[in-house]
Amino acid sequence: MRDFKKYDIWQLSHSFTLEIYKISANFPKEELHGLSSQIRRAATSIPTNISEGCGRSSDKEFNQFLNIAIGSSNEVEYLLILSKDLNYINIEVFESLGKDINQIKSKIYKLKQILNLQ
């Protein structure tokens, strides 16, 4: 069993999720059950799936959860675009979070390569 807290990618995605919670707290109240909730769920899914994958017994299962984390990363990336286009976040926040989510995706891909899990 792997200790998810030791993975740099888990730590980065956890910090990213905390940032998403902060910025989405400023979204309009009518988005509470819409975009705010959806971007939070998608961001939370990234470290959650890494954590769950670490608890699985095989590399194949771990890979499956890393793939889900990548899918959630893509979802967050789109939701950031939507948030920017709706003027819920400014361009600086969008670019900073966009850079972060792309770094997370890149590190997940690299982890899969290191573990030979493509």
C-alpha atoms as a PDB file:
ATOM      1  CA  MET A   1       0.000   0.000   0.000  1.00  0.00           C
ATOM      2  CA  ARG A   2       1.280   3.459  -0.922  1.00  0.00           C
ATOM      3  CA  ASP A   3       1.180   6.491   1.393  1.00  0.00           C
ATOM      4  CA  PHE A   4      -0.614   9.128  -0.687  1.00  0.00           C
ATOM      5  CA  LYS A   5       0.616  11.972   1.542  1.00  0.00           C
ATOM      6  CA  LYS A   6       4.186  11.311   0.363  1.00  0.00           C
ATOM      7  CA  TYR A   7       3.325  11.977  -3.275  1.00  0.00           C
ATOM      8  CA  ASP A   8       4.185  15.483  -4.471  1.00  0.00           C
ATOM      9  CA  ILE A   9       1.244  15.347  -6.860  1.00  0.00           C
ATOM     10  CA  TRP A  10      -1.168  14.666  -4.002  1.00  0.00           C
ATOM     11  CA  GLN A  11       0.216  17.624  -2.025  1.00  0.00           C
ATOM     12  CA  LEU A  12      -0.043  19.924  -5.062  1.00  0.00           C
ATOM     13  CA  SER A  13      -3.573  18.833  -5.880  1.00  0.00           C
ATOM     14  CA  HIS A  14      -4.645  19.236  -2.242  1.00  0.00           C
ATOM     15  CA  SER A  15      -3.270  22.801  -2.159  1.00  0.00           C
ATOM     16  CA  PHE A  16      -4.954  23.493  -5.499  1.00  0.00           C
ATOM     17  CA  THR A  17      -8.277  22.258  -4.102  1.00  0.00           C
ATOM     18  CA  LEU A  18      -7.959  24.589  -1.124  1.00  0.00           C
ATOM     19  CA  GLU A  19      -7.385  27.476  -3.547  1.00  0.00           C
ATOM     20  CA  ILE A  20     -10.454  26.489  -5.576  1.00  0.00           C
ATOM     21  CA  TYR A  21     -12.538  26.567  -2.390  1.00  0.00           C
ATOM     22  CA  LYS A  22     -11.259  30.082  -1.641  1.00  0.00           C
ATOM     23  CA  ILE A  23     -11.973  31.535  -5.076  1.00  0.00           C
ATOM     24  CA  SER A  24     -15.337  29.814  -5.504  1.00  0.00           C
ATOM     25  CA  ALA A  25     -16.500  31.281  -2.185  1.00  0.00           C
ATOM     26  CA  ASN A  26     -16.676  34.594  -4.081  1.00  0.00           C
ATOM     27  CA  PHE A  27     -18.898  33.261  -6.860  1.00  0.00           C
ATOM     28  CA  PRO A  28     -22.476  34.615  -6.949  1.00  0.00           C
ATOM     29  CA  LYS A  29     -24.809  32.988  -4.422  1.00  0.00           C
ATOM     30  CA  GLU A  30     -27.010  31.656  -7.228  1.00  0.00           C
ATOM     31  CA  GLU A  31     -24.037  29.474  -8.269  1.00  0.00           C
ATOM     32  CA  LEU A  32     -23.895  27.745  -4.878  1.00  0.00           C
ATOM     33  CA  HIS A  33     -25.539  24.603  -6.261  1.00  0.00           C
ATOM     34  CA  GLY A  34     -24.189  25.127  -9.771  1.00  0.00           C
ATOM     35  CA  LEU A  35     -20.709  26.153 -10.818  1.00  0.00           C
ATOM     36  CA  SER A  36     -19.365  26.605  -7.265  1.00  0.00           C
ATOM     37  CA  SER A  37     -20.360  23.094  -6.317  1.00  0.00           C
ATOM     38  CA  GLN A  38     -19.212  21.557  -9.587  1.00  0.00           C
ATOM     39  CA  ILE A  39     -15.729  23.111  -9.628  1.00  0.00           C
ATOM     40  CA  ARG A  40     -15.234  22.151  -5.980  1.00  0.00           C
ATOM     41  CA  ARG A  41     -16.288  18.544  -6.621  1.00  0.00           C
ATOM     42  CA  ALA A  42     -14.034  18.268  -9.673  1.00  0.00           C
ATOM     43  CA  ALA A  43     -11.029  19.760  -7.856  1.00  0.00           C
ATOM     44  CA  THR A  44     -11.616  17.554  -4.817  1.00  0.00           C
ATOM     45  CA  SER A  45     -11.792  14.521  -7.084  1.00  0.00           C
ATOM     46  CA  ILE A  46      -8.130  14.907  -8.069  1.00  0.00           C
ATOM     47  CA  PRO A  47      -6.451  14.304  -4.670  1.00  0.00           C
ATOM     48  CA  THR A  48      -9.295  11.992  -3.655  1.00  0.00           C
ATOM     49  CA  ASN A  49      -8.659   9.641  -6.573  1.00  0.00           C
ATOM     50  CA  ILE A  50      -4.906   9.731  -6.014  1.00  0.00           C
ATOM     51  CA  SER A  51      -5.554   8.816  -2.375  1.00  0.00           C
ATOM     52  CA  GLU A  52      -7.954   6.037  -3.247  1.00  0.00           C
ATOM     53  CA  GLY A  53      -5.622   4.656  -5.909  1.00  0.00           C
ATOM     54  CA  CYS A  54      -2.802   4.497  -3.374  1.00  0.00           C
ATOM     55  CA  GLY A  55      -4.963   2.234  -1.242  1.00  0.00           C
ATOM     56  CA  ARG A  56      -5.496  -0.292  -4.007  1.00  0.00           C
ATOM     57  CA  SER A  57      -3.495  -3.471  -4.208  1.00  0.00           C
ATOM     58  CA  SER A  58      -2.341  -3.412  -7.828  1.00  0.00           C
ATOM     59  CA  ASP A  59      -0.605  -0.998 -10.169  1.00  0.00           C
ATOM     60  CA  LYS A  60      -3.433  -1.525 -12.654  1.00  0.00           C
ATOM     61  CA  GLU A  61      -5.983  -0.279 -10.131  1.00  0.00           C
ATOM     62  CA  PHE A  62      -3.728   2.645  -9.157  1.00  0.00           C
ATOM     63  CA  ASN A  63      -3.477   3.568 -12.837  1.00  0.00           C
ATOM     64  CA  GLN A  64      -7.271   3.551 -13.149  1.00  0.00           C
ATOM     65  CA  PHE A  65      -7.560   6.119 -10.351  1.00  0.00           C
ATOM     66  CA  LEU A  66      -4.781   8.252 -11.840  1.00  0.00           C
ATOM     67  CA  ASN A  67      -6.759   8.276 -15.106  1.00  0.00           C
ATOM     68  CA  ILE A  68      -9.842   9.470 -13.238  1.00  0.00           C
ATOM     69  CA  ALA A  69      -7.727  12.207 -11.605  1.00  0.00           C
ATOM     70  CA  ILE A  70      -6.610  13.334 -15.078  1.00  0.00           C
ATOM     71  CA  GLY A  71     -10.238  13.443 -16.215  1.00  0.00           C
ATOM     72  CA  SER A  72     -11.152  15.566 -13.201  1.00  0.00           C
ATOM     73  CA  SER A  73      -8.211  17.862 -13.969  1.00  0.00           C
ATOM     74  CA  ASN A  74      -9.575  18.395 -17.466  1.00  0.00           C
ATOM     75  CA  GLU A  75     -12.999  19.114 -16.021  1.00  0.00           C
ATOM     76  CA  VAL A  76     -11.518  21.735 -13.666  1.00  0.00           C
ATOM     77  CA  GLU A  77      -9.632  23.305 -16.550  1.00  0.00           C
ATOM     78  CA  TYR A  78     -12.887  23.811 -18.464  1.00  0.00           C
ATOM     79  CA  LEU A  79     -14.716  25.098 -15.386  1.00  0.00           C
ATOM     80  CA  LEU A  80     -11.954  27.689 -14.913  1.00  0.00           C
ATOM     81  CA  ILE A  81     -12.510  28.858 -18.503  1.00  0.00           C
ATOM     82  CA  LEU A  82     -16.234  29.099 -17.811  1.00  0.00           C
ATOM     83  CA  SER A  83     -15.613  30.984 -14.555  1.00  0.00           C
ATOM     84  CA  LYS A  84     -13.400  33.482 -16.392  1.00  0.00           C
ATOM     85  CA  ASP A  85     -15.887  33.920 -19.229  1.00  0.00           C
ATOM     86  CA  LEU A  86     -18.664  34.577 -16.714  1.00  0.00           C
ATOM     87  CA  ASN A  87     -16.387  37.137 -15.020  1.00  0.00           C
ATOM     88  CA  TYR A  88     -16.382  35.207 -11.734  1.00  0.00           C
ATOM     89  CA  ILE A  89     -12.571  35.222 -11.725  1.00  0.00           C
ATOM     90  CA  ASN A  90     -10.190  37.724 -13.241  1.00  0.00           C
ATOM     91  CA  ILE A  91      -7.561  36.933 -15.857  1.00  0.00           C
ATOM     92  CA  GLU A  92      -4.710  36.830 -13.315  1.00  0.00           C
ATOM     93  CA  VAL A  93      -6.480  34.227 -11.178  1.00  0.00           C
ATOM     94  CA  PHE A  94      -7.452  32.295 -14.297  1.00  0.00           C
ATOM     95  CA  GLU A  95      -3.865  32.212 -15.587  1.00  0.00           C
ATOM     96  CA  SER A  96      -2.424  31.263 -12.206  1.00  0.00           C
ATOM     97  CA  LEU A  97      -4.910  28.442 -11.621  1.00  0.00           C
ATOM     98  CA  GLY A  98      -4.597  27.351 -15.248  1.00  0.00           C
ATOM     99  CA  LYS A  99      -0.852  27.019 -14.817  1.00  0.00           C
ATOM    100  CA  ASP A 100      -1.395  25.036 -11.608  1.00  0.00           C
ATOM    101  CA  ILE A 101      -3.891  22.602 -13.142  1.00  0.00           C
ATOM    102  CA  ASN A 102      -1.640  21.990 -16.130  1.00  0.00           C
ATOM    103  CA  GLN A 103       1.279  21.304 -13.790  1.00  0.00           C
ATOM    104  CA  ILE A 104      -0.887  18.815 -11.898  1.00  0.00           C
ATOM    105  CA  LYS A 105      -1.875  17.048 -15.121  1.00  0.00           C
ATOM    106  CA  SER A 106       1.746  16.916 -16.251  1.00  0.00           C
ATOM    107  CA  LYS A 107       2.870  15.436 -12.952  1.00  0.00           C
ATOM    108  CA  ILE A 108       0.163  12.779 -13.042  1.00  0.00           C
ATOM    109  CA  TYR A 109       1.303  11.763 -16.546  1.00  0.00           C
ATOM    110  CA  LYS A 110       4.924  11.664 -15.339  1.00  0.00           C
ATOM    111  CA  LEU A 111       3.952   9.543 -12.342  1.00  0.00           C
ATOM    112  CA  LYS A 112       2.233   7.097 -14.672  1.00  0.00           C
ATOM    113  CA  GLN A 113       5.430   6.929 -16.778  1.00  0.00           C
ATOM    114  CA  ILE A 114       7.685   6.448 -13.751  1.00  0.00           C
ATOM    115  CA  LEU A 115       5.453   3.638 -12.524  1.00  0.00           C
ATOM    116  CA  ASN A 116       5.235   2.318 -16.092  1.00  0.00           C
ATOM    117  CA  LEU A 117       1.463   2.620 -15.967  1.00  0.00           C
ATOM    118  CA  GLN A 118       0.740   4.298 -19.345  1.00  0.00           C
END
